């Protein structure tokens, strides 16, 4: 159970759980893709919430946008740490 949460929250520290460095880098790439997709969905939800709030003059909808943006910022932190572990040419693309 501990290794699951370690992979989920601090994936850049899980190199010892893999048989080779290539498996570890593959895991980091896959993690970055999944988190990138989640961030895109949350940013879309925030944009729709902001537009709806503006159009309908219902400012309580802004709370949805604010929550989505906070989650995006929090899940972006592991991605930034992962990019430090990836080779330089991969981190740029």
PDB file of N, CA and C in Angstrom:
ATOM      1  N   UNK A   1       0.815  -1.182   0.000  1.00  0.00           N
ATOM      2  CA  UNK A   1       0.000   0.000   0.000  1.00  0.00           C
ATOM      3  C   UNK A   1       0.869   1.261   0.000  1.00  0.00           C
ATOM      4  N   UNK A   2       1.969   1.212   0.744  1.00  0.00           N
ATOM      5  CA  UNK A   2       2.863   2.355   0.803  1.00  0.00           C
ATOM      6  C   UNK A   2       3.520   2.654  -0.531  1.00  0.00           C
ATOM      7  N   UNK A   3       3.853   1.601  -1.284  1.00  0.00           N
ATOM      8  CA  UNK A   3       4.500   1.831  -2.577  1.00  0.00           C
ATOM      9  C   UNK A   3       3.526   2.454  -3.574  1.00  0.00           C
ATOM     10  N   UNK A   4       2.233   2.117  -3.448  1.00  0.00           N
ATOM     11  CA  UNK A   4       1.235   2.723  -4.327  1.00  0.00           C
ATOM     12  C   UNK A   4       1.178   4.234  -4.105  1.00  0.00           C
ATOM     13  N   UNK A   5       1.094   4.647  -2.847  1.00  0.00           N
ATOM     14  CA  UNK A   5       1.021   6.079  -2.553  1.00  0.00           C
ATOM     15  C   UNK A   5       2.330   6.779  -2.888  1.00  0.00           C
ATOM     16  N   UNK A   6       3.449   6.094  -2.720  1.00  0.00           N
ATOM     17  CA  UNK A   6       4.730   6.689  -3.085  1.00  0.00           C
ATOM     18  C   UNK A   6       4.783   6.924  -4.586  1.00  0.00           C
ATOM     19  N   UNK A   7       4.285   5.957  -5.372  1.00  0.00           N
ATOM     20  CA  UNK A   7       4.255   6.144  -6.832  1.00  0.00           C
ATOM     21  C   UNK A   7       3.280   7.231  -7.237  1.00  0.00           C
ATOM     22  N   UNK A   8       2.193   7.361  -6.497  1.00  0.00           N
ATOM     23  CA  UNK A   8       1.178   8.342  -6.838  1.00  0.00           C
ATOM     24  C   UNK A   8       1.604   9.768  -6.476  1.00  0.00           C
ATOM     25  N   UNK A   9       2.195   9.943  -5.292  1.00  0.00           N
ATOM     26  CA  UNK A   9       2.493  11.279  -4.789  1.00  0.00           C
ATOM     27  C   UNK A   9       3.919  11.719  -5.102  1.00  0.00           C
ATOM     28  N   UNK A  10       4.889  10.826  -4.946  1.00  0.00           N
ATOM     29  CA  UNK A  10       6.286  11.177  -5.202  1.00  0.00           C
ATOM     30  C   UNK A  10       6.915  10.180  -6.173  1.00  0.00           C
ATOM     31  N   UNK A  11       6.484  10.206  -7.428  1.00  0.00           N
ATOM     32  CA  UNK A  11       6.986   9.214  -8.380  1.00  0.00           C
ATOM     33  C   UNK A  11       8.475   9.340  -8.688  1.00  0.00           C
ATOM     34  N   UNK A  12       9.059  10.504  -8.515  1.00  0.00           N
ATOM     35  CA  UNK A  12      10.480  10.680  -8.819  1.00  0.00           C
ATOM     36  C   UNK A  12      11.372   9.977  -7.803  1.00  0.00           C
ATOM     37  N   UNK A  13      10.824   9.523  -6.687  1.00  0.00           N
ATOM     38  CA  UNK A  13      11.603   8.832  -5.659  1.00  0.00           C
ATOM     39  C   UNK A  13      11.459   7.310  -5.718  1.00  0.00           C
ATOM     40  N   UNK A  14      10.803   6.785  -6.720  1.00  0.00           N
ATOM     41  CA  UNK A  14      10.490   5.360  -6.765  1.00  0.00           C
ATOM     42  C   UNK A  14      11.432   4.561  -7.658  1.00  0.00           C
ATOM     43  N   UNK A  15      12.578   5.061  -7.956  1.00  0.00           N
ATOM     44  CA  UNK A  15      13.498   4.377  -8.869  1.00  0.00           C
ATOM     45  C   UNK A  15      13.883   2.993  -8.351  1.00  0.00           C
ATOM     46  N   UNK A  16      13.967   2.809  -7.041  1.00  0.00           N
ATOM     47  CA  UNK A  16      14.343   1.527  -6.469  1.00  0.00           C
ATOM     48  C   UNK A  16      13.296   0.448  -6.628  1.00  0.00           C
ATOM     49  N   UNK A  17      12.087   0.795  -7.014  1.00  0.00           N
ATOM     50  CA  UNK A  17      11.017  -0.183  -7.179  1.00  0.00           C
ATOM     51  C   UNK A  17      10.992  -0.812  -8.564  1.00  0.00           C
ATOM     52  N   UNK A  18      11.878  -0.400  -9.445  1.00  0.00           N
ATOM     53  CA  UNK A  18      11.896  -0.900 -10.818  1.00  0.00           C
ATOM     54  C   UNK A  18      13.169  -1.699 -11.064  1.00  0.00           C
ATOM     55  N   UNK A  19      13.071  -2.651 -11.987  1.00  0.00           N
ATOM     56  CA  UNK A  19      14.200  -3.532 -12.281  1.00  0.00           C
ATOM     57  C   UNK A  19      15.313  -2.800 -13.033  1.00  0.00           C
ATOM     58  N   UNK A  20      14.953  -1.845 -13.863  1.00  0.00           N
ATOM     59  CA  UNK A  20      15.965  -1.123 -14.635  1.00  0.00           C
ATOM     60  C   UNK A  20      15.617   0.355 -14.707  1.00  0.00           C
ATOM     61  N   UNK A  21      16.590   1.125 -15.107  1.00  0.00           N
ATOM     62  CA  UNK A  21      16.406   2.569 -15.260  1.00  0.00           C
ATOM     63  C   UNK A  21      15.411   2.865 -16.377  1.00  0.00           C
ATOM     64  N   UNK A  22      15.423   2.050 -17.424  1.00  0.00           N
ATOM     65  CA  UNK A  22      14.504   2.261 -18.550  1.00  0.00           C
ATOM     66  C   UNK A  22      13.049   2.070 -18.118  1.00  0.00           C
ATOM     67  N   UNK A  23      12.781   1.074 -17.279  1.00  0.00           N
ATOM     68  CA  UNK A  23      11.421   0.883 -16.761  1.00  0.00           C
ATOM     69  C   UNK A  23      10.991   2.086 -15.930  1.00  0.00           C
ATOM     70  N   UNK A  24      11.893   2.602 -15.144  1.00  0.00           N
ATOM     71  CA  UNK A  24      11.601   3.778 -14.315  1.00  0.00           C
ATOM     72  C   UNK A  24      11.277   4.983 -15.188  1.00  0.00           C
ATOM     73  N   UNK A  25      12.065   5.217 -16.223  1.00  0.00           N
ATOM     74  CA  UNK A  25      11.815   6.353 -17.110  1.00  0.00           C
ATOM     75  C   UNK A  25      10.506   6.173 -17.880  1.00  0.00           C
ATOM     76  N   UNK A  26      10.190   4.935 -18.262  1.00  0.00           N
ATOM     77  CA  UNK A  26       8.915   4.658 -18.922  1.00  0.00           C
ATOM     78  C   UNK A  26       7.756   4.978 -17.988  1.00  0.00           C
ATOM     79  N   UNK A  27       7.904   4.597 -16.718  1.00  0.00           N
ATOM     80  CA  UNK A  27       6.877   4.923 -15.726  1.00  0.00           C
ATOM     81  C   UNK A  27       6.706   6.430 -15.591  1.00  0.00           C
ATOM     82  N   UNK A  28       7.801   7.186 -15.528  1.00  0.00           N
ATOM     83  CA  UNK A  28       7.712   8.643 -15.400  1.00  0.00           C
ATOM     84  C   UNK A  28       7.033   9.264 -16.613  1.00  0.00           C
ATOM     85  N   UNK A  29       7.366   8.768 -17.813  1.00  0.00           N
ATOM     86  CA  UNK A  29       6.732   9.294 -19.025  1.00  0.00           C
ATOM     87  C   UNK A  29       5.226   9.040 -19.006  1.00  0.00           C
ATOM     88  N   UNK A  30       4.842   7.808 -18.630  1.00  0.00           N
ATOM     89  CA  UNK A  30       3.423   7.450 -18.576  1.00  0.00           C
ATOM     90  C   UNK A  30       2.698   8.299 -17.521  1.00  0.00           C
ATOM     91  N   UNK A  31       3.319   8.478 -16.377  1.00  0.00           N
ATOM     92  CA  UNK A  31       2.753   9.305 -15.308  1.00  0.00           C
ATOM     93  C   UNK A  31       2.540  10.737 -15.801  1.00  0.00           C
ATOM     94  N   UNK A  32       3.521  11.283 -16.493  1.00  0.00           N
ATOM     95  CA  UNK A  32       3.405  12.642 -17.015  1.00  0.00           C
ATOM     96  C   UNK A  32       2.261  12.766 -18.020  1.00  0.00           C
ATOM     97  N   UNK A  33       2.078  11.741 -18.873  1.00  0.00           N
ATOM     98  CA  UNK A  33       0.987  11.777 -19.844  1.00  0.00           C
ATOM     99  C   UNK A  33      -0.372  11.741 -19.151  1.00  0.00           C
ATOM    100  N   UNK A  34      -0.529  10.881 -18.155  1.00  0.00           N
ATOM    101  CA  UNK A  34      -1.804  10.770 -17.446  1.00  0.00           C
ATOM    102  C   UNK A  34      -2.107  12.061 -16.699  1.00  0.00           C
ATOM    103  N   UNK A  35      -1.124  12.588 -15.995  1.00  0.00           N
ATOM    104  CA  UNK A  35      -1.336  13.832 -15.246  1.00  0.00           C
ATOM    105  C   UNK A  35      -1.607  14.984 -16.207  1.00  0.00           C
ATOM    106  N   UNK A  36      -0.968  14.981 -17.356  1.00  0.00           N
ATOM    107  CA  UNK A  36      -1.235  16.015 -18.362  1.00  0.00           C
ATOM    108  C   UNK A  36      -2.670  15.963 -18.860  1.00  0.00           C
ATOM    109  N   UNK A  37      -3.189  14.761 -19.052  1.00  0.00           N
ATOM    110  CA  UNK A  37      -4.584  14.623 -19.480  1.00  0.00           C
ATOM    111  C   UNK A  37      -5.544  15.094 -18.385  1.00  0.00           C
ATOM    112  N   UNK A  38      -5.255  14.756 -17.151  1.00  0.00           N
ATOM    113  CA  UNK A  38      -6.101  15.200 -16.029  1.00  0.00           C
ATOM    114  C   UNK A  38      -6.060  16.723 -15.913  1.00  0.00           C
ATOM    115  N   UNK A  39      -4.880  17.301 -16.076  1.00  0.00           N
ATOM    116  CA  UNK A  39      -4.776  18.762 -16.011  1.00  0.00           C
ATOM    117  C   UNK A  39      -5.585  19.421 -17.113  1.00  0.00           C
ATOM    118  N   UNK A  40      -5.536  18.845 -18.323  1.00  0.00           N
ATOM    119  CA  UNK A  40      -6.294  19.421 -19.441  1.00  0.00           C
ATOM    120  C   UNK A  40      -7.797  19.395 -19.162  1.00  0.00           C
ATOM    121  N   UNK A  41      -8.291  18.299 -18.618  1.00  0.00           N
ATOM    122  CA  UNK A  41      -9.721  18.197 -18.296  1.00  0.00           C
ATOM    123  C   UNK A  41     -10.098  19.207 -17.210  1.00  0.00           C
ATOM    124  N   UNK A  42      -9.266  19.323 -16.188  1.00  0.00           N
ATOM    125  CA  UNK A  42      -9.563  20.271 -15.113  1.00  0.00           C
ATOM    126  C   UNK A  42      -9.503  21.720 -15.595  1.00  0.00           C
ATOM    127  N   UNK A  43      -8.553  22.029 -16.472  1.00  0.00           N
ATOM    128  CA  UNK A  43      -8.488  23.386 -17.021  1.00  0.00           C
ATOM    129  C   UNK A  43      -9.706  23.688 -17.883  1.00  0.00           C
ATOM    130  N   UNK A  44     -10.179  22.694 -18.617  1.00  0.00           N
ATOM    131  CA  UNK A  44     -11.390  22.866 -19.416  1.00  0.00           C
ATOM    132  C   UNK A  44     -12.593  23.103 -18.500  1.00  0.00           C
ATOM    133  N   UNK A  45     -12.687  22.347 -17.414  1.00  0.00           N
ATOM    134  CA  UNK A  45     -13.775  22.542 -16.448  1.00  0.00           C
ATOM    135  C   UNK A  45     -13.702  23.938 -15.835  1.00  0.00           C
ATOM    136  N   UNK A  46     -12.499  24.405 -15.528  1.00  0.00           N
ATOM    137  CA  UNK A  46     -12.343  25.748 -14.964  1.00  0.00           C
ATOM    138  C   UNK A  46     -12.762  26.814 -15.976  1.00  0.00           C
ATOM    139  N   UNK A  47     -12.383  26.636 -17.229  1.00  0.00           N
ATOM    140  CA  UNK A  47     -12.749  27.613 -18.256  1.00  0.00           C
ATOM    141  C   UNK A  47     -14.259  27.656 -18.456  1.00  0.00           C
ATOM    142  N   UNK A  48     -14.896  26.489 -18.506  1.00  0.00           N
ATOM    143  CA  UNK A  48     -16.347  26.449 -18.667  1.00  0.00           C
ATOM    144  C   UNK A  48     -17.036  27.085 -17.462  1.00  0.00           C
ATOM    145  N   UNK A  49     -16.529  26.812 -16.279  1.00  0.00           N
ATOM    146  CA  UNK A  49     -17.112  27.407 -15.068  1.00  0.00           C
ATOM    147  C   UNK A  49     -16.994  28.926 -15.077  1.00  0.00           C
ATOM    148  N   UNK A  50     -15.847  29.426 -15.473  1.00  0.00           N
ATOM    149  CA  UNK A  50     -15.653  30.877 -15.521  1.00  0.00           C
ATOM    150  C   UNK A  50     -16.558  31.538 -16.560  1.00  0.00           C
ATOM    151  N   UNK A  51     -16.669  30.905 -17.722  1.00  0.00           N
ATOM    152  CA  UNK A  51     -17.539  31.462 -18.762  1.00  0.00           C
ATOM    153  C   UNK A  51     -19.002  31.433 -18.337  1.00  0.00           C
ATOM    154  N   UNK A  52     -19.416  30.340 -17.703  1.00  0.00           N
ATOM    155  CA  UNK A  52     -20.791  30.235 -17.227  1.00  0.00           C
ATOM    156  C   UNK A  52     -21.072  31.263 -16.138  1.00  0.00           C
ATOM    157  N   UNK A  53     -20.136  31.414 -15.245  1.00  0.00           N
ATOM    158  CA  UNK A  53     -20.289  32.394 -14.168  1.00  0.00           C
ATOM    159  C   UNK A  53     -20.412  33.810 -14.725  1.00  0.00           C
ATOM    160  N   UNK A  54     -19.615  34.105 -15.716  1.00  0.00           N
ATOM    161  CA  UNK A  54     -19.659  35.436 -16.323  1.00  0.00           C
ATOM    162  C   UNK A  54     -20.969  35.647 -17.076  1.00  0.00           C
ATOM    163  N   UNK A  55     -21.410  34.634 -17.805  1.00  0.00           N
ATOM    164  CA  UNK A  55     -22.612  34.767 -18.627  1.00  0.00           C
ATOM    165  C   UNK A  55     -23.885  34.849 -17.787  1.00  0.00           C
ATOM    166  N   UNK A  56     -23.934  34.118 -16.690  1.00  0.00           N
ATOM    167  CA  UNK A  56     -25.156  34.052 -15.892  1.00  0.00           C
ATOM    168  C   UNK A  56     -25.125  34.946 -14.656  1.00  0.00           C
ATOM    169  N   UNK A  57     -24.050  35.651 -14.433  1.00  0.00           N
ATOM    170  CA  UNK A  57     -23.873  36.473 -13.236  1.00  0.00           C
ATOM    171  C   UNK A  57     -24.088  35.675 -11.955  1.00  0.00           C
ATOM    172  N   UNK A  58     -23.596  34.482 -11.928  1.00  0.00           N
ATOM    173  CA  UNK A  58     -23.655  33.638 -10.730  1.00  0.00           C
ATOM    174  C   UNK A  58     -22.228  33.368 -10.292  1.00  0.00           C
ATOM    175  N   UNK A  59     -21.781  34.141  -9.348  1.00  0.00           N
ATOM    176  CA  UNK A  59     -20.384  34.108  -8.966  1.00  0.00           C
ATOM    177  C   UNK A  59     -20.018  32.918  -8.091  1.00  0.00           C
ATOM    178  N   UNK A  60     -21.027  32.194  -7.601  1.00  0.00           N
ATOM    179  CA  UNK A  60     -20.719  30.996  -6.818  1.00  0.00           C
ATOM    180  C   UNK A  60     -20.128  29.895  -7.695  1.00  0.00           C
ATOM    181  N   UNK A  61     -20.372  29.969  -8.985  1.00  0.00           N
ATOM    182  CA  UNK A  61     -19.793  28.993  -9.915  1.00  0.00           C
ATOM    183  C   UNK A  61     -18.274  29.174  -9.984  1.00  0.00           C
ATOM    184  N   UNK A  62     -17.789  30.344  -9.629  1.00  0.00           N
ATOM    185  CA  UNK A  62     -16.347  30.584  -9.616  1.00  0.00           C
ATOM    186  C   UNK A  62     -15.624  29.652  -8.643  1.00  0.00           C
ATOM    187  N   UNK A  63     -16.329  29.169  -7.633  1.00  0.00           N
ATOM    188  CA  UNK A  63     -15.715  28.238  -6.685  1.00  0.00           C
ATOM    189  C   UNK A  63     -15.288  26.941  -7.376  1.00  0.00           C
ATOM    190  N   UNK A  64     -16.057  26.504  -8.356  1.00  0.00           N
ATOM    191  CA  UNK A  64     -15.689  25.310  -9.121  1.00  0.00           C
ATOM    192  C   UNK A  64     -14.391  25.568  -9.874  1.00  0.00           C
ATOM    193  N   UNK A  65     -14.315  26.724 -10.505  1.00  0.00           N
ATOM    194  CA  UNK A  65     -13.105  27.073 -11.249  1.00  0.00           C
ATOM    195  C   UNK A  65     -11.908  27.187 -10.319  1.00  0.00           C
ATOM    196  N   UNK A  66     -12.108  27.809  -9.172  1.00  0.00           N
ATOM    197  CA  UNK A  66     -11.001  27.963  -8.229  1.00  0.00           C
ATOM    198  C   UNK A  66     -10.522  26.605  -7.720  1.00  0.00           C
ATOM    199  N   UNK A  67     -11.451  25.714  -7.407  1.00  0.00           N
ATOM    200  CA  UNK A  67     -11.070  24.376  -6.938  1.00  0.00           C
ATOM    201  C   UNK A  67     -10.318  23.615  -8.017  1.00  0.00           C
ATOM    202  N   UNK A  68     -10.795  23.692  -9.251  1.00  0.00           N
ATOM    203  CA  UNK A  68     -10.122  22.995 -10.354  1.00  0.00           C
ATOM    204  C   UNK A  68      -8.711  23.536 -10.555  1.00  0.00           C
ATOM    205  N   UNK A  69      -8.551  24.836 -10.466  1.00  0.00           N
ATOM    206  CA  UNK A  69      -7.223  25.425 -10.660  1.00  0.00           C
ATOM    207  C   UNK A  69      -6.266  25.073  -9.521  1.00  0.00           C
ATOM    208  N   UNK A  70      -6.772  24.984  -8.307  1.00  0.00           N
ATOM    209  CA  UNK A  70      -5.925  24.575  -7.179  1.00  0.00           C
ATOM    210  C   UNK A  70      -5.455  23.135  -7.380  1.00  0.00           C
ATOM    211  N   UNK A  71      -6.346  22.265  -7.816  1.00  0.00           N
ATOM    212  CA  UNK A  71      -5.962  20.865  -8.064  1.00  0.00           C
ATOM    213  C   UNK A  71      -4.936  20.789  -9.187  1.00  0.00           C
ATOM    214  N   UNK A  72      -5.119  21.587 -10.226  1.00  0.00           N
ATOM    215  CA  UNK A  72      -4.146  21.603 -11.331  1.00  0.00           C
ATOM    216  C   UNK A  72      -2.767  22.013 -10.819  1.00  0.00           C
ATOM    217  N   UNK A  73      -2.728  23.020  -9.975  1.00  0.00           N
ATOM    218  CA  UNK A  73      -1.431  23.462  -9.445  1.00  0.00           C
ATOM    219  C   UNK A  73      -0.795  22.378  -8.578  1.00  0.00           C
ATOM    220  N   UNK A  74      -1.595  21.700  -7.776  1.00  0.00           N
ATOM    221  CA  UNK A  74      -1.049  20.664  -6.897  1.00  0.00           C
ATOM    222  C   UNK A  74      -0.539  19.450  -7.668  1.00  0.00           C
ATOM    223  N   UNK A  75      -1.256  19.040  -8.706  1.00  0.00           N
ATOM    224  CA  UNK A  75      -0.788  17.862  -9.444  1.00  0.00           C
ATOM    225  C   UNK A  75       0.313  18.209 -10.430  1.00  0.00           C
ATOM    226  N   UNK A  76       0.561  19.491 -10.631  1.00  0.00           N
ATOM    227  CA  UNK A  76       1.669  19.889 -11.492  1.00  0.00           C
ATOM    228  C   UNK A  76       3.015  19.764 -10.783  1.00  0.00           C
ATOM    229  N   UNK A  77       3.016  19.791  -9.471  1.00  0.00           N
ATOM    230  CA  UNK A  77       4.274  19.707  -8.725  1.00  0.00           C
ATOM    231  C   UNK A  77       5.027  18.398  -8.981  1.00  0.00           C
ATOM    232  N   UNK A  78       4.377  17.219  -8.948  1.00  0.00           N
ATOM    233  CA  UNK A  78       5.120  15.995  -9.270  1.00  0.00           C
ATOM    234  C   UNK A  78       5.650  15.970 -10.701  1.00  0.00           C
ATOM    235  N   UNK A  79       4.918  16.567 -11.632  1.00  0.00           N
ATOM    236  CA  UNK A  79       5.390  16.597 -13.021  1.00  0.00           C
ATOM    237  C   UNK A  79       6.680  17.399 -13.126  1.00  0.00           C
ATOM    238  N   UNK A  80       6.756  18.499 -12.423  1.00  0.00           N
ATOM    239  CA  UNK A  80       7.982  19.302 -12.437  1.00  0.00           C
ATOM    240  C   UNK A  80       9.161  18.516 -11.871  1.00  0.00           C
ATOM    241  N   UNK A  81       8.932  17.745 -10.821  1.00  0.00           N
ATOM    242  CA  UNK A  81       9.999  16.921 -10.248  1.00  0.00           C
ATOM    243  C   UNK A  81      10.376  15.780 -11.188  1.00  0.00           C
ATOM    244  N   UNK A  82       9.376  15.202 -11.883  1.00  0.00           N
ATOM    245  CA  UNK A  82       9.656  14.125 -12.838  1.00  0.00           C
ATOM    246  C   UNK A  82      10.542  14.606 -13.970  1.00  0.00           C
ATOM    247  N   UNK A  83      10.301  15.809 -14.434  1.00  0.00           N
ATOM    248  CA  UNK A  83      11.077  16.330 -15.557  1.00  0.00           C
ATOM    249  C   UNK A  83      12.549  16.484 -15.208  1.00  0.00           C
ATOM    250  N   UNK A  84      12.866  16.627 -13.939  1.00  0.00           N
ATOM    251  CA  UNK A  84      14.268  16.695 -13.529  1.00  0.00           C
ATOM    252  C   UNK A  84      14.955  15.346 -13.675  1.00  0.00           C
ATOM    253  N   UNK A  85      14.200  14.246 -13.578  1.00  0.00           N
ATOM    254  CA  UNK A  85      14.764  12.900 -13.682  1.00  0.00           C
ATOM    255  C   UNK A  85      14.882  12.422 -15.120  1.00  0.00           C
ATOM    256  N   UNK A  86      14.057  12.951 -16.018  1.00  0.00           N
ATOM    257  CA  UNK A  86      14.090  12.531 -17.410  1.00  0.00           C
ATOM    258  C   UNK A  86      15.310  13.113 -18.107  1.00  0.00           C
ATOM    259  N   UNK A  87      15.823  12.431 -19.132  1.00  0.00           N
ATOM    260  CA  UNK A  87      16.935  12.999 -19.905  1.00  0.00           C
ATOM    261  C   UNK A  87      16.553  14.365 -20.490  1.00  0.00           C
ATOM    262  N   UNK A  88      17.534  15.211 -20.668  1.00  0.00           N
ATOM    263  CA  UNK A  88      17.276  16.612 -21.062  1.00  0.00           C
ATOM    264  C   UNK A  88      16.475  16.746 -22.346  1.00  0.00           C
ATOM    265  N   UNK A  89      16.753  15.954 -23.362  1.00  0.00           N
ATOM    266  CA  UNK A  89      16.031  16.092 -24.637  1.00  0.00           C
ATOM    267  C   UNK A  89      14.576  15.681 -24.494  1.00  0.00           C
ATOM    268  N   UNK A  90      14.254  14.767 -23.572  1.00  0.00           N
ATOM    269  CA  UNK A  90      12.863  14.362 -23.363  1.00  0.00           C
ATOM    270  C   UNK A  90      12.103  15.367 -22.527  1.00  0.00           C
ATOM    271  N   UNK A  91      12.766  15.993 -21.586  1.00  0.00           N
ATOM    272  CA  UNK A  91      12.108  16.943 -20.711  1.00  0.00           C
ATOM    273  C   UNK A  91      11.649  18.167 -21.473  1.00  0.00           C
ATOM    274  N   UNK A  92      12.346  18.534 -22.542  1.00  0.00           N
ATOM    275  CA  UNK A  92      11.989  19.713 -23.327  1.00  0.00           C
ATOM    276  C   UNK A  92      10.790  19.449 -24.236  1.00  0.00           C
ATOM    277  N   UNK A  93      10.594  18.209 -24.677  1.00  0.00           N
ATOM    278  CA  UNK A  93       9.500  17.930 -25.619  1.00  0.00           C
ATOM    279  C   UNK A  93       8.230  17.589 -24.939  1.00  0.00           C
TER     280      UNK A  93
END
